Amino acid sequence: MVTLQHIFKVYRKTLYASYRNFGFFSKDCMITLFGLPIFLAFTHITLALDSLFFPAYKRVKIKNPIFIIGHPRSGTTFFHRLMLRTDEYVSFKTWELTFPALTARKLAKPIVNYRIKCGKHVLFPPETGHHTRLDTVEEEEQLFLHYCDTQFNSIIFSLAFYEGDFDEICFNDLQKHRQASIQHFKSCLQRQIYYSGKQQIVARCNFSAMRIRTLAEAFPDAKFIYMYRNPLSTIPSHLSLNYHVFDYKWGLKNIPPQNLAYYFQRRYRYNVQLYKYFNEVKNTSDLLKGRIMEIFYDDLLFNFEQTMEEVQDFVPFEFSKALKRVVEEQAIKQKNYTRKHKNYDLGKFGISEKQVRKDLAFMFEKIEKRQMS
């Protein structure tokens, strides 16, 4: 019941924001009003049917999972896709995240294959800052969308333009429905192991830095790789990503400027919370001692091979020859990367460098120490 109340609360705010911003008869409002609840109902019904048609997935054991977390734009996507490049570990393609139920996939796969064949599988082009297609690997954090329990709800849906707060999507370790949400996540991982025939989980869950205690409890043998980068780089990059996604999805001219400005101020506050929460938990929780490896973004750029050797020592599995070869090849071309999207300055979002340095002083101290070592 608590979970249903949470889902309905997020849905109600999303619908209200769509109505206020785009009008009742707009395409977005109609999709939100009818499409979203139908899709959520379909997902939860087919998840339940999996117990009837695919009961063996429940016997799957999840052993020694690796969770990649950290502020968006800190190198998590690059690291995640690098680890999965040889296709040895459990991963989800975008369409599989959209349809986590095995029963649903039986119905959806022909449609997905048809869209891929027709070239209608691009969801967000590279120019937005995060190239997303139905058939490419995406982050497992999106599994929480089906419980309206992730900050992705404010990026993918018009909830972003709600005029009040939507703090309930900033999942934390005190929420009443946290166990139901994490059990859903766990069962989805079990399904994917069963579906793929692979065993080792290497999952990317950026925003789950805010639920790290719950993850650590639910997966007692899990380890966490925390990616961090200068907030003066991650924050404008993340806000720019949101800006480009909104423009591609809705068109900025269709969004009231005051709502857009309010969103970016709120988005910045959530970004600061993510940094602070992880720092607090890491420094105070005995549950996480020895289970976190931190990787500085600059080390991925300028000290790549040694960093990957440290990763090999940290994770509970041996890199295959194929993955070692991928690492060697990547080391050669690592420094030649150039992004295809444009990042805006902080000022465009009503934020100053002084404010960021004040709000996240501990991060700048941490980075300065790392650079001096």
Protein backbone atom coordinates (compact mmCIF):
# COMPACT_ATOMS: atom_id res chain seq x y z
CA MET A 1 0.00 0.00 0.00
CA VAL A 2 2.83 2.41 0.88
CA THR A 3 4.44 1.69 -2.49
CA LEU A 4 1.19 2.36 -4.39
CA GLN A 5 0.77 5.63 -2.51
CA HIS A 6 4.27 6.65 -3.53
CA ILE A 7 3.73 5.76 -7.19
CA PHE A 8 0.40 7.59 -7.28
CA LYS A 9 1.91 10.68 -5.64
CA VAL A 10 4.65 10.90 -8.27
CA TYR A 11 2.16 10.19 -11.06
CA ARG A 12 -0.20 12.90 -9.82
CA LYS A 13 2.58 15.50 -9.80
CA THR A 14 3.75 14.42 -13.25
CA LEU A 15 0.24 14.72 -14.67
CA TYR A 16 -0.31 18.11 -13.06
CA ALA A 17 3.01 19.41 -14.43
CA SER A 18 2.16 18.15 -17.92
CA TYR A 19 -1.26 19.80 -17.80
CA ARG A 20 0.09 23.13 -16.51
CA ASN A 21 2.95 23.30 -19.01
CA PHE A 22 1.56 21.79 -22.19
CA GLY A 23 -2.22 21.89 -21.82
CA PHE A 24 -4.78 19.17 -21.22
CA PHE A 25 -5.13 18.13 -24.87
CA SER A 26 -1.39 18.12 -25.57
CA LYS A 27 0.32 14.92 -26.69
CA ASP A 28 2.43 14.84 -23.54
CA CYS A 29 -0.58 15.22 -21.24
CA MET A 30 -2.54 12.49 -23.05
CA ILE A 31 0.44 10.13 -22.84
CA THR A 32 0.85 10.92 -19.15
CA LEU A 33 -2.87 10.63 -18.40
CA PHE A 34 -3.50 7.36 -20.21
CA GLY A 35 -0.23 5.89 -21.46
CA LEU A 36 1.82 6.06 -18.28
CA PRO A 37 -0.66 4.26 -15.96
CA ILE A 38 -1.36 1.63 -18.64
CA PHE A 39 2.35 1.04 -19.07
CA LEU A 40 2.98 0.83 -15.31
CA ALA A 41 0.04 -1.58 -14.92
CA PHE A 42 1.32 -3.69 -17.83
CA THR A 43 4.79 -3.83 -16.28
CA HIS A 44 3.60 -4.88 -12.83
CA ILE A 45 1.10 -7.43 -14.19
CA THR A 46 3.74 -9.04 -16.41
CA LEU A 47 6.25 -9.02 -13.56
CA ALA A 48 3.70 -10.96 -11.52
CA LEU A 49 3.09 -13.37 -14.43
CA ASP A 50 6.79 -14.20 -14.50
CA SER A 51 6.23 -16.24 -11.34
CA LEU A 52 3.83 -18.40 -13.34
CA PHE A 53 5.68 -18.66 -16.66
CA PHE A 54 9.33 -18.34 -15.56
CA PRO A 55 9.44 -19.45 -11.90
CA ALA A 56 13.04 -20.63 -12.19
CA TYR A 57 14.33 -17.04 -12.13
CA LYS A 58 13.50 -16.87 -8.42
CA ARG A 59 16.13 -19.53 -7.68
CA VAL A 60 18.90 -17.47 -9.27
CA LYS A 61 21.62 -16.39 -6.83
CA ILE A 62 23.25 -12.99 -7.15
CA LYS A 63 26.88 -13.26 -6.12
CA ASN A 64 29.46 -10.50 -5.64
CA PRO A 65 27.72 -7.78 -7.66
CA ILE A 66 29.61 -4.63 -8.59
CA PHE A 67 27.70 -1.33 -8.50
CA ILE A 68 29.12 1.73 -10.26
CA ILE A 69 27.81 4.89 -8.62
CA GLY A 70 28.62 8.59 -8.61
CA HIS A 71 27.44 11.96 -9.78
CA PRO A 72 26.30 11.95 -13.44
CA ARG A 73 29.01 13.02 -15.91
CA SER A 74 31.83 11.72 -13.71
CA GLY A 75 32.91 8.95 -16.08
CA THR A 76 30.43 6.28 -15.01
CA THR A 77 29.03 5.69 -18.51
CA PHE A 78 32.47 5.32 -20.03
CA PHE A 79 33.66 2.95 -17.29
CA HIS A 80 30.46 0.87 -17.37
CA ARG A 81 30.52 0.42 -21.14
CA LEU A 82 34.23 -0.36 -21.09
CA MET A 83 33.67 -3.19 -18.60
CA LEU A 84 30.82 -4.56 -20.71
CA ARG A 85 32.49 -4.24 -24.09
CA THR A 86 33.41 -7.94 -24.26
CA ASP A 87 29.84 -8.98 -23.40
CA GLU A 88 30.94 -11.21 -20.52
CA TYR A 89 28.88 -9.72 -17.71
CA VAL A 90 25.19 -9.17 -17.08
CA SER A 91 23.89 -6.01 -18.72
CA PHE A 92 20.60 -4.48 -19.84
CA LYS A 93 19.85 -2.91 -23.18
CA THR A 94 17.47 0.04 -23.13
CA TRP A 95 14.50 -2.00 -24.32
CA GLU A 96 15.17 -4.61 -21.63
CA LEU A 97 15.11 -1.93 -18.96
CA THR A 98 11.82 -0.70 -20.42
CA PHE A 99 10.41 -4.23 -20.25
CA PRO A 100 12.05 -5.91 -17.24
CA ALA A 101 9.46 -8.71 -17.09
CA LEU A 102 10.37 -11.82 -19.07
CA THR A 103 6.71 -12.24 -20.02
CA ALA A 104 6.59 -8.70 -21.38
CA ARG A 105 9.70 -9.27 -23.47
CA LYS A 106 8.04 -12.16 -25.29
CA LEU A 107 5.39 -9.69 -26.42
CA ALA A 108 7.61 -6.66 -26.99
CA LYS A 109 10.64 -8.17 -28.71
CA PRO A 110 9.11 -8.47 -32.21
CA ILE A 111 8.09 -4.80 -32.05
CA VAL A 112 11.53 -3.76 -30.81
CA ASN A 113 13.25 -5.77 -33.54
CA TYR A 114 11.03 -4.15 -36.16
CA ARG A 115 11.88 -0.64 -34.93
CA ILE A 116 15.59 -1.47 -34.95
CA LYS A 117 15.31 -2.87 -38.48
CA CYS A 118 13.53 0.29 -39.66
CA GLY A 119 16.05 2.58 -37.99
CA LYS A 120 13.49 3.92 -35.51
CA HIS A 121 15.42 2.93 -32.42
CA VAL A 122 17.22 6.17 -31.48
CA LEU A 123 15.72 7.71 -28.35
CA PHE A 124 18.28 10.50 -27.85
CA PRO A 125 20.97 11.42 -30.42
CA PRO A 126 24.62 12.05 -29.48
CA GLU A 127 24.05 15.83 -29.62
CA THR A 128 21.97 15.65 -26.43
CA GLY A 129 25.02 14.46 -24.53
CA HIS A 130 23.94 10.86 -24.03
CA HIS A 131 23.35 8.76 -27.13
CA THR A 132 20.52 6.35 -26.31
CA ARG A 133 19.10 3.62 -28.53
CA LEU A 134 16.80 0.70 -27.86
CA ASP A 135 19.62 -1.75 -28.54
CA THR A 136 22.46 -0.16 -26.55
CA VAL A 137 23.47 -0.91 -22.98
CA GLU A 138 22.03 1.49 -20.43
CA GLU A 139 22.22 1.93 -16.68
CA GLU A 140 20.37 -0.32 -14.29
CA GLU A 141 19.23 2.68 -12.23
CA GLN A 142 16.40 2.96 -14.75
CA LEU A 143 14.81 -0.19 -13.31
CA PHE A 144 13.61 2.01 -10.45
CA LEU A 145 11.50 3.99 -12.93
CA HIS A 146 8.87 1.26 -12.66
CA TYR A 147 8.45 2.17 -8.99
CA CYS A 148 8.77 5.93 -9.68
CA ASP A 149 11.74 5.77 -7.35
CA THR A 150 14.61 7.42 -9.18
CA GLN A 151 15.67 10.91 -10.11
CA PHE A 152 15.31 9.81 -13.74
CA ASN A 153 11.59 10.46 -13.24
CA SER A 154 12.34 14.19 -13.34
CA ILE A 155 14.46 13.95 -16.49
CA ILE A 156 12.46 11.60 -18.69
CA PHE A 157 8.96 12.80 -17.71
CA SER A 158 7.36 16.22 -17.41
CA LEU A 159 7.58 15.93 -13.61
CA ALA A 160 10.61 18.16 -14.15
CA PHE A 161 8.30 21.15 -14.54
CA TYR A 162 6.22 20.59 -11.43
CA GLU A 163 6.02 23.91 -9.61
CA GLY A 164 6.62 22.43 -6.16
CA ASP A 165 9.15 19.96 -4.86
CA PHE A 166 9.36 16.29 -5.80
CA ASP A 167 11.75 15.18 -3.07
CA GLU A 168 10.12 11.74 -2.92
CA ILE A 169 12.09 10.65 -6.02
CA CYS A 170 15.37 11.32 -4.20
CA PHE A 171 15.37 7.82 -2.77
CA ASN A 172 17.06 7.59 0.59
CA ASP A 173 17.70 4.95 3.21
CA LEU A 174 14.83 6.10 5.44
CA GLN A 175 11.87 5.79 3.06
CA LYS A 176 9.10 3.45 4.16
CA HIS A 177 8.89 1.70 0.79
CA ARG A 178 12.64 1.19 0.38
CA GLN A 179 12.49 -2.57 0.92
CA ALA A 180 9.80 -3.07 -1.74
CA SER A 181 11.76 -0.91 -4.17
CA ILE A 182 15.06 -2.71 -3.62
CA GLN A 183 13.34 -6.10 -3.82
CA HIS A 184 11.98 -5.10 -7.23
CA PHE A 185 15.50 -4.15 -8.31
CA LYS A 186 16.91 -7.42 -7.00
CA SER A 187 14.28 -9.51 -8.77
CA CYS A 188 15.03 -7.70 -12.04
CA LEU A 189 18.70 -8.61 -11.70
CA GLN A 190 17.71 -12.22 -11.07
CA ARG A 191 15.57 -12.17 -14.20
CA GLN A 192 18.44 -10.79 -16.28
CA ILE A 193 20.87 -13.45 -15.05
CA TYR A 194 18.29 -16.08 -15.97
CA TYR A 195 17.57 -14.40 -19.33
CA SER A 196 21.18 -13.81 -20.38
CA GLY A 197 22.82 -16.93 -18.95
CA LYS A 198 25.58 -14.77 -17.47
CA GLN A 199 26.42 -14.56 -13.78
CA GLN A 200 28.48 -11.49 -12.85
CA ILE A 201 26.59 -8.25 -12.24
CA VAL A 202 28.41 -5.02 -13.19
CA ALA A 203 25.64 -2.45 -12.83
CA ARG A 204 25.63 1.34 -13.16
CA CYS A 205 23.35 3.19 -10.76
CA ASN A 206 24.48 6.82 -10.54
CA PHE A 207 21.66 8.15 -8.40
CA SER A 208 21.79 5.12 -6.12
CA ALA A 209 24.65 6.78 -4.29
CA MET A 210 21.62 8.07 -2.35
CA ARG A 211 20.54 4.51 -1.46
CA ILE A 212 23.94 2.94 -0.89
CA ARG A 213 23.12 1.70 2.62
CA THR A 214 20.05 -0.12 1.33
CA LEU A 215 22.05 -1.67 -1.52
CA ALA A 216 24.77 -2.75 0.90
CA GLU A 217 22.19 -4.42 3.13
CA ALA A 218 20.35 -6.14 0.28
CA PHE A 219 23.60 -7.36 -1.32
CA PRO A 220 25.98 -8.12 1.57
CA ASP A 221 28.75 -9.32 -0.75
CA ALA A 222 28.47 -6.33 -3.13
CA LYS A 223 31.27 -3.89 -3.83
CA PHE A 224 30.91 -0.31 -5.01
CA ILE A 225 33.00 1.71 -7.45
CA TYR A 226 32.47 5.41 -6.84
CA MET A 227 33.47 7.73 -9.69
CA TYR A 228 34.14 11.34 -8.82
CA ARG A 229 35.16 14.44 -10.74
CA ASN A 230 35.48 18.17 -10.17
CA PRO A 231 31.93 19.48 -9.50
CA LEU A 232 32.73 22.49 -11.68
CA SER A 233 32.82 19.99 -14.53
CA THR A 234 30.10 17.52 -13.56
CA ILE A 235 27.39 19.97 -12.56
CA PRO A 236 27.36 22.19 -15.70
CA SER A 237 27.74 19.07 -17.83
CA HIS A 238 24.78 17.39 -16.14
CA LEU A 239 22.61 20.50 -16.35
CA SER A 240 23.58 20.90 -20.02
CA LEU A 241 22.56 17.28 -20.64
CA ASN A 242 19.16 17.98 -19.07
CA TYR A 243 18.86 21.16 -21.15
CA HIS A 244 19.56 19.33 -24.43
CA VAL A 245 17.25 16.43 -23.54
CA PHE A 246 14.40 18.82 -22.73
CA ASP A 247 14.95 20.70 -25.99
CA TYR A 248 14.96 17.46 -27.99
CA LYS A 249 11.95 15.97 -26.20
CA TRP A 250 9.64 18.99 -25.76
CA GLY A 251 11.29 22.04 -27.32
CA LEU A 252 12.49 24.74 -24.93
CA LYS A 253 10.08 27.26 -26.44
CA ASN A 254 7.23 25.17 -25.05
CA ILE A 255 8.49 25.31 -21.46
CA PRO A 256 7.79 28.45 -19.38
CA PRO A 257 11.18 30.07 -18.60
CA GLN A 258 10.37 30.38 -14.89
CA ASN A 259 9.64 26.64 -14.65
CA LEU A 260 12.85 25.80 -16.45
CA ALA A 261 14.84 28.09 -14.15
CA TYR A 262 13.17 26.57 -11.11
CA TYR A 263 13.99 23.08 -12.33
CA PHE A 264 17.69 23.84 -12.71
CA GLN A 265 17.89 25.38 -9.23
CA ARG A 266 16.20 22.30 -7.81
CA ARG A 267 18.33 19.99 -9.93
CA TYR A 268 21.44 21.69 -8.56
CA ARG A 269 20.20 21.19 -4.99
CA TYR A 270 19.70 17.48 -5.63
CA ASN A 271 23.18 17.24 -7.16
CA VAL A 272 24.68 18.75 -4.04
CA GLN A 273 22.66 16.35 -1.88
CA LEU A 274 24.02 13.38 -3.81
CA TYR A 275 27.62 14.43 -3.20
CA LYS A 276 26.98 15.14 0.47
CA TYR A 277 24.99 12.02 1.20
CA PHE A 278 27.58 9.65 -0.19
CA ASN A 279 30.37 11.46 1.63
CA GLU A 280 28.50 11.21 4.93
CA VAL A 281 27.66 7.52 4.56
CA LYS A 282 31.16 6.58 3.44
CA ASN A 283 32.66 8.26 6.50
CA THR A 284 30.17 6.96 9.08
CA SER A 285 28.93 3.53 8.01
CA ASP A 286 30.79 0.42 9.19
CA LEU A 287 28.65 -1.54 6.74
CA LEU A 288 30.66 -0.12 3.83
CA LYS A 289 34.20 -0.45 5.16
CA GLY A 290 36.43 -2.13 2.59
CA ARG A 291 33.63 -2.27 0.03
CA ILE A 292 34.17 1.02 -1.83
CA MET A 293 36.78 1.87 -4.43
CA GLU A 294 36.97 5.51 -5.46
CA ILE A 295 38.17 6.48 -8.94
CA PHE A 296 39.08 10.07 -9.78
CA TYR A 297 38.03 11.08 -13.30
CA ASP A 298 41.44 12.51 -14.16
CA ASP A 299 43.03 9.12 -13.44
CA LEU A 300 40.81 7.60 -16.13
CA LEU A 301 42.22 10.15 -18.55
CA PHE A 302 45.87 10.37 -17.58
CA ASN A 303 46.59 7.26 -15.51
CA PHE A 304 44.29 4.80 -17.21
CA GLU A 305 46.31 1.57 -17.16
CA GLN A 306 47.29 1.82 -13.51
CA THR A 307 43.71 2.70 -12.56
CA MET A 308 42.40 -0.39 -14.33
CA GLU A 309 45.03 -2.52 -12.58
CA GLU A 310 43.66 -1.23 -9.28
CA VAL A 311 40.15 -2.10 -10.43
CA GLN A 312 41.33 -5.64 -11.22
CA ASP A 313 42.69 -5.96 -7.68
CA PHE A 314 39.41 -4.68 -6.20
CA VAL A 315 36.77 -6.67 -8.06
CA PRO A 316 36.12 -10.32 -7.12
CA PHE A 317 36.77 -11.72 -10.59
CA GLU A 318 39.71 -12.01 -12.96
CA PHE A 319 39.74 -9.93 -16.12
CA SER A 320 39.58 -12.14 -19.19
CA LYS A 321 42.17 -11.92 -21.94
CA ALA A 322 39.59 -10.20 -24.12
CA LEU A 323 38.88 -7.52 -21.50
CA LYS A 324 42.60 -6.99 -20.87
CA ARG A 325 43.02 -6.44 -24.60
CA VAL A 326 40.18 -3.90 -24.57
CA VAL A 327 41.87 -2.06 -21.73
CA GLU A 328 45.18 -1.97 -23.62
CA GLU A 329 43.51 -0.65 -26.77
CA GLN A 330 41.59 1.97 -24.83
CA ALA A 331 44.74 3.20 -23.12
CA ILE A 332 46.18 4.11 -26.52
CA LYS A 333 43.25 6.27 -27.63
CA GLN A 334 42.10 7.50 -24.23
CA LYS A 335 43.52 11.02 -24.43
CA ASN A 336 42.08 11.77 -27.88
CA TYR A 337 38.41 11.84 -26.83
CA THR A 338 36.38 14.89 -27.88
CA ARG A 339 32.73 15.32 -26.93
CA LYS A 340 30.04 15.90 -29.55
CA HIS A 341 27.71 17.94 -27.37
CA LYS A 342 28.02 21.44 -25.98
CA ASN A 343 28.30 22.18 -22.27
CA TYR A 344 27.06 25.53 -21.02
CA ASP A 345 28.58 27.66 -18.27
CA LEU A 346 27.09 27.55 -14.78
CA GLY A 347 25.76 31.09 -15.23
CA LYS A 348 23.26 29.92 -17.82
CA PHE A 349 21.53 27.98 -15.04
CA GLY A 350 21.66 30.76 -12.45
CA ILE A 351 24.52 29.19 -10.48
CA SER A 352 27.91 30.66 -9.67
CA GLU A 353 31.29 29.01 -9.20
CA LYS A 354 31.48 30.64 -5.76
CA GLN A 355 28.24 28.92 -4.76
CA VAL A 356 29.46 25.51 -5.93
CA ARG A 357 32.78 25.91 -4.11
CA LYS A 358 30.96 26.86 -0.93
CA ASP A 359 28.34 24.10 -1.10
CA LEU A 360 30.86 21.38 -1.96
CA ALA A 361 34.02 22.57 -0.22
CA PHE A 362 34.79 19.03 0.97
CA MET A 363 34.90 17.80 -2.65
CA PHE A 364 37.43 20.44 -3.67
CA GLU A 365 39.59 19.54 -0.67
CA LYS A 366 39.39 15.89 -1.66
CA ILE A 367 40.36 16.61 -5.28
CA GLU A 368 43.20 18.89 -4.27
CA LYS A 369 44.66 16.19 -2.02
CA ARG A 370 44.33 13.64 -4.83
CA GLN A 371 46.11 15.88 -7.31
CA MET A 372 48.95 16.52 -4.87
CA SER A 373 49.49 12.84 -4.06
